[in-house]
Amino acid sequence: MSETLEQKLKKTEQADDELRRYFSRAITEDQSAYFGDFIIFGALKRTLALSDGFRGHIRNRNFTCAAALTRLQLDTALRLYAASLCDDTEHYAKAVFHGKHVNKLKDKQGKKLTDAYLADKLSEKYPWVKLMYETLCDFVHLSNRHFFASIADLNEADRLFKFQIAAEDVPRPDSDYFEIVDGFSEAMRITLVLAAGWHVAIHQTPTV
């Protein structure tokens, strides 16, 4: 039996709980702090906020905002991943902590850490990332996707259009939301994988 939309959303709530449990335990076990920790915990706070907002927008049938929040969640994963491309992850974290724009920083190959570059690099591990990044950018910037989303009915023969100018979507089946919910869940999952991996790496490194 296939999952319902609400069951899919419940999975993101469960992921929120897992995030809290894992990192609450990790912080208790090692209370030392690095610049990387600030970036990680900021990313996790952002993840929980985006997750809460995402569910609300899906339940309110606001695909436009839900898609934009999914792009922001992918952005969170990209910026955590960027650290692994640098020679010194703590130097990267310190720069970001002090307000440096990630797209102005460079990796160990001398490449600027732009969103597009990070999406390409992360796609080497998760092939779906690049397509998701390119698709979701259309929802962050005003594009044809927003124009078509406002069309409630179309009669091509008579060249008649009906537009719905409202926050909620034109009526559509629950299944139309499955892909974006799965996409958010995947973006959230790799964020947690990257955050946990970086946190472990930081705290396994002997203090100088």
Foldseek 3Di string as FASTA:
>chain_A
DDDFLVVLLVVLVVVLVVLVVVVVVVCVVPVDDALLVVLLVVLNVLLVVLSVVLVVCVVLQQVLVNLLSLLVLLVSLLLLVQLVQAPHSRVSSVCVVVPHDQQCDAGPVRHGSDPQVSQVVVCVVVVCSNVSNVVSVCSVDPDVVVVVQQWQDADPVVRDTDGDDDRHTNDDDSVVCVVSSVSSVVSSVSSSVSSVVVSVVVVVDDDD
